Amino acid sequence: MEVEVLHRPVTPHPAVNGSRVTRTRESIVASALSLAATGEVAPIVRDIAKMAGVSARTVFQHFADTAELYVAVLDRVFALEFGDTPEPGASSSLEGRIQFVVDRGADRFERLLPMWTFVETLQRRSASAADMVAQVYATNQVNLTRWFEPELSGLQAEQRARTLNALALALSPESWVALRQRLGLSAERARDELRFVVGAALNGPRR
C-alpha cells in the first residue's frame, strides 16, 4: 500500500464555509470507500478525486496523505458495520442466541469481504488503524461475554477464558475470509460451519 503525498505546502482545510468543507470531505471518503469495496487495496487519489468530482489537489487539502484518508475510510467502515449492535433476546435459547450472533456476524463480514485485504494492509501500516481494529475485537469479546454469560458463568476461570477466545476467533472477519475464500464455501455453508463451531465451543466444556 503506497502512500501518496502532495509535495507542496497544503492548507489543512480550504477557506470555504463549513458545510461545503464537510460535504466535500464526505464525498472524498465515500468515493475512497466505494473503490475499496470493489477490492482496491490502495485506491489512488486520481480515481478517488474523479469519483468525488474534485481535483487531486482538493483531496490533499482535506487529507495530508492517502494514509490519513484510508484511516478515515476505515473509521467509516467500522461505524457503518459495527456501530449498531443489536442484542439477542434475553430469554433466547442457546441455539437461538448462536443463530442470532452467527447471522449478525456473517452479514457484516460478507459485506467486508471484498475490502478485507485493504483493512489488513492498512492496519499493518497505520497505528491508528491497528487501534481501531483492536477496539472492534475488544468490543466483540465484551459482547460475547454478555451474550453467552449463562454458559460461561459455570466454567472455571481458565476454561472460561479459553472458551471465550475460541468464540472470538470463530466470530472474526478472518474466520469468515478463510471459510469463504480459502475453503471456497458458500455463504450459507459458512454460516452452518460457524454455528457448529460456536455450539461445540459452548457445549464442549460440559462434556
Protein backbone atom coordinates (compact mmCIF):
# COMPACT_ATOMS: atom_id res chain seq x y z
CA MET A 1 0.00 0.00 0.00
CA GLU A 2 1.78 3.10 -1.27
CA VAL A 3 1.18 6.39 0.49
CA GLU A 4 0.64 9.31 -1.84
CA VAL A 5 1.73 12.73 -0.62
CA LEU A 6 1.30 16.06 -2.36
CA HIS A 7 4.76 17.62 -2.45
CA ARG A 8 3.82 21.18 -1.65
CA PRO A 9 2.65 23.08 1.45
CA VAL A 10 -1.04 22.45 1.91
CA THR A 11 -3.78 24.11 3.89
CA PRO A 12 -5.48 21.52 6.10
CA HIS A 13 -8.94 22.79 5.09
CA PRO A 14 -9.97 25.06 2.25
CA ALA A 15 -11.15 28.51 3.18
CA VAL A 16 -14.83 27.99 2.42
CA ASN A 17 -17.87 27.65 4.63
CA GLY A 18 -18.04 24.67 6.95
CA SER A 19 -20.94 22.88 5.28
CA ARG A 20 -19.13 22.81 1.94
CA VAL A 21 -15.96 21.54 3.62
CA THR A 22 -17.95 18.77 5.27
CA ARG A 23 -19.73 17.80 2.06
CA THR A 24 -16.50 17.68 0.09
CA ARG A 25 -14.71 15.64 2.74
CA GLU A 26 -17.63 13.23 2.98
CA SER A 27 -17.66 12.82 -0.81
CA ILE A 28 -13.94 12.03 -0.85
CA VAL A 29 -14.26 9.45 1.93
CA ALA A 30 -17.33 7.87 0.32
CA SER A 31 -15.53 7.63 -3.03
CA ALA A 32 -12.47 6.01 -1.48
CA LEU A 33 -14.74 3.60 0.37
CA SER A 34 -16.55 2.67 -2.84
CA LEU A 35 -13.25 1.87 -4.53
CA ALA A 36 -12.03 -0.16 -1.55
CA ALA A 37 -15.32 -2.09 -1.58
CA THR A 38 -14.59 -3.23 -5.13
CA GLY A 39 -11.35 -4.83 -3.95
CA GLU A 40 -8.91 -1.95 -4.43
CA VAL A 41 -6.20 -2.46 -1.82
CA ALA A 42 -4.85 1.08 -2.22
CA PRO A 43 -7.24 3.33 -4.15
CA ILE A 44 -5.24 6.05 -5.88
CA VAL A 45 -6.01 9.72 -5.45
CA ARG A 46 -6.67 10.29 -9.15
CA ASP A 47 -9.50 7.73 -9.13
CA ILE A 48 -10.86 8.92 -5.79
CA ALA A 49 -10.90 12.54 -6.96
CA LYS A 50 -12.60 11.64 -10.24
CA MET A 51 -15.35 9.72 -8.47
CA ALA A 52 -15.83 12.53 -5.92
CA GLY A 53 -15.95 15.17 -8.65
CA VAL A 54 -13.00 17.11 -7.28
CA SER A 55 -9.33 17.59 -8.15
CA ALA A 56 -6.46 15.65 -6.62
CA ARG A 57 -5.29 18.94 -5.12
CA THR A 58 -8.63 19.23 -3.30
CA VAL A 59 -8.20 15.74 -1.85
CA PHE A 60 -4.90 16.83 -0.33
CA GLN A 61 -6.48 19.97 1.07
CA HIS A 62 -8.59 17.69 3.26
CA PHE A 63 -6.08 14.91 3.96
CA ALA A 64 -2.32 15.17 4.46
CA ASP A 65 -1.73 11.93 2.54
CA THR A 66 -3.56 8.79 1.47
CA ALA A 67 -2.76 7.08 4.78
CA GLU A 68 -4.85 9.68 6.60
CA LEU A 69 -7.62 9.27 4.03
CA TYR A 70 -7.56 5.49 4.33
CA VAL A 71 -7.87 5.72 8.12
CA ALA A 72 -10.93 7.94 7.65
CA VAL A 73 -12.35 5.28 5.33
CA LEU A 74 -11.71 2.56 7.90
CA ASP A 75 -13.40 4.66 10.56
CA ARG A 76 -16.43 4.96 8.27
CA VAL A 77 -16.48 1.21 7.63
CA PHE A 78 -16.43 0.35 11.30
CA ALA A 79 -19.06 2.98 12.11
CA LEU A 80 -21.35 1.52 9.44
CA GLU A 81 -20.76 -2.14 10.22
CA PHE A 82 -20.10 -2.21 13.95
CA GLY A 83 -21.66 0.96 15.31
CA ASP A 84 -25.08 -0.59 15.87
CA THR A 85 -25.01 -3.78 17.92
CA PRO A 86 -28.48 -5.34 18.32
CA GLU A 87 -28.94 -7.73 21.19
CA PRO A 88 -30.31 -11.28 21.15
CA GLY A 89 -33.40 -11.71 23.30
CA ALA A 90 -32.54 -12.12 26.97
CA SER A 91 -34.71 -15.24 27.17
CA SER A 92 -33.48 -16.76 23.91
CA SER A 93 -32.34 -20.37 23.96
CA LEU A 94 -28.67 -21.14 23.40
CA GLU A 95 -29.47 -22.28 19.87
CA GLY A 96 -31.38 -19.07 19.22
CA ARG A 97 -28.53 -16.92 20.52
CA ILE A 98 -25.97 -18.82 18.46
CA GLN A 99 -28.02 -18.34 15.31
CA PHE A 100 -28.51 -14.65 16.06
CA VAL A 101 -24.83 -13.95 16.72
CA VAL A 102 -23.58 -16.00 13.76
CA ASP A 103 -26.08 -14.48 11.34
CA ARG A 104 -25.29 -10.96 12.57
CA GLY A 105 -21.56 -11.54 12.16
CA ALA A 106 -21.88 -13.29 8.81
CA ASP A 107 -23.91 -10.44 7.33
CA ARG A 108 -21.30 -7.90 8.38
CA PHE A 109 -18.31 -9.98 7.38
CA GLU A 110 -19.79 -10.73 3.96
CA ARG A 111 -20.06 -7.00 3.31
CA LEU A 112 -16.45 -6.57 4.46
CA LEU A 113 -15.14 -9.47 2.38
CA PRO A 114 -14.24 -7.52 -0.80
CA MET A 115 -12.26 -4.96 1.18
CA TRP A 116 -10.68 -7.14 3.86
CA THR A 117 -7.26 -7.04 2.18
CA PHE A 118 -7.48 -3.24 2.32
CA VAL A 119 -8.26 -3.42 6.06
CA GLU A 120 -5.48 -5.90 6.81
CA THR A 121 -2.92 -3.93 4.84
CA LEU A 122 -3.88 -0.63 6.42
CA GLN A 123 -3.69 -1.91 9.98
CA ARG A 124 -0.13 -3.07 9.33
CA ARG A 125 0.82 0.39 8.04
CA SER A 126 -1.06 2.62 10.47
CA ALA A 127 -1.06 2.57 14.27
CA SER A 128 -4.39 4.43 14.24
CA ALA A 129 -5.93 1.78 12.01
CA ALA A 130 -4.49 -1.01 14.16
CA ASP A 131 -6.03 0.61 17.23
CA MET A 132 -9.44 0.76 15.51
CA VAL A 133 -9.29 -2.93 14.61
CA ALA A 134 -8.17 -3.84 18.14
CA GLN A 135 -11.11 -1.89 19.58
CA VAL A 136 -13.56 -3.77 17.36
CA TYR A 137 -12.16 -7.08 18.58
CA ALA A 138 -12.21 -5.98 22.22
CA THR A 139 -15.83 -4.86 21.92
CA ASN A 140 -16.77 -8.13 20.27
CA GLN A 141 -15.27 -10.10 23.15
CA VAL A 142 -17.18 -8.00 25.70
CA ASN A 143 -20.40 -8.63 23.78
CA LEU A 144 -19.77 -12.37 23.57
CA THR A 145 -19.17 -12.48 27.32
CA ARG A 146 -22.55 -10.87 27.88
CA TRP A 147 -24.49 -12.83 25.29
CA PHE A 148 -23.24 -16.24 26.44
CA GLU A 149 -22.94 -15.48 30.15
CA PRO A 150 -25.30 -18.33 31.18
CA GLU A 151 -23.00 -20.87 29.55
CA LEU A 152 -19.72 -19.21 30.54
CA SER A 153 -20.60 -18.50 34.17
CA GLY A 154 -20.37 -22.12 35.27
CA LEU A 155 -16.86 -22.65 33.92
CA GLN A 156 -13.57 -22.44 35.77
CA ALA A 157 -11.62 -19.28 35.02
CA GLU A 158 -9.13 -20.90 32.64
CA GLN A 159 -11.80 -22.84 30.74
CA ARG A 160 -13.98 -19.77 30.57
CA ALA A 161 -11.13 -17.73 29.06
CA ARG A 162 -10.32 -20.46 26.53
CA THR A 163 -13.96 -20.81 25.51
CA LEU A 164 -14.30 -17.07 25.10
CA ASN A 165 -11.13 -16.95 22.99
CA ALA A 166 -12.49 -19.76 20.81
CA LEU A 167 -15.74 -17.83 20.30
CA ALA A 168 -13.88 -14.62 19.45
CA LEU A 169 -11.70 -16.48 16.95
CA ALA A 170 -14.65 -18.19 15.28
CA LEU A 171 -16.67 -14.98 15.08
CA SER A 172 -13.94 -12.87 13.49
CA PRO A 173 -13.59 -11.49 9.95
CA GLU A 174 -10.51 -13.68 9.39
CA SER A 175 -12.53 -16.83 10.02
CA TRP A 176 -15.14 -15.70 7.53
CA VAL A 177 -12.44 -14.96 4.95
CA ALA A 178 -10.97 -18.44 5.49
CA LEU A 179 -14.34 -20.14 5.08
CA ARG A 180 -15.43 -18.13 2.05
CA GLN A 181 -12.19 -17.56 0.16
CA ARG A 182 -9.69 -20.18 1.35
CA LEU A 183 -12.13 -23.10 1.61
CA GLY A 184 -14.47 -21.82 -1.08
CA LEU A 185 -17.67 -22.35 0.90
CA SER A 186 -20.94 -20.66 0.02
CA ALA A 187 -22.18 -18.00 2.43
CA GLU A 188 -24.89 -20.33 3.76
CA ARG A 189 -22.47 -23.24 4.23
CA ALA A 190 -20.05 -20.90 6.00
CA ARG A 191 -22.86 -19.88 8.38
CA ASP A 192 -23.57 -23.53 9.11
CA GLU A 193 -19.92 -24.19 9.90
CA LEU A 194 -19.76 -21.22 12.27
CA ARG A 195 -22.91 -22.36 14.09
CA PHE A 196 -21.31 -25.79 14.52
CA VAL A 197 -18.02 -24.36 15.80
CA VAL A 198 -19.69 -21.92 18.21
CA GLY A 199 -22.02 -24.63 19.51
CA ALA A 200 -19.10 -27.01 20.01
CA ALA A 201 -17.11 -24.35 21.90
CA LEU A 202 -20.01 -23.66 24.26
CA ASN A 203 -21.12 -27.26 24.80
CA GLY A 204 -17.74 -28.94 24.77
CA PRO A 205 -16.50 -27.85 28.24
CA ARG A 206 -19.50 -29.53 29.90
CA ARG A 207 -18.80 -32.96 28.47
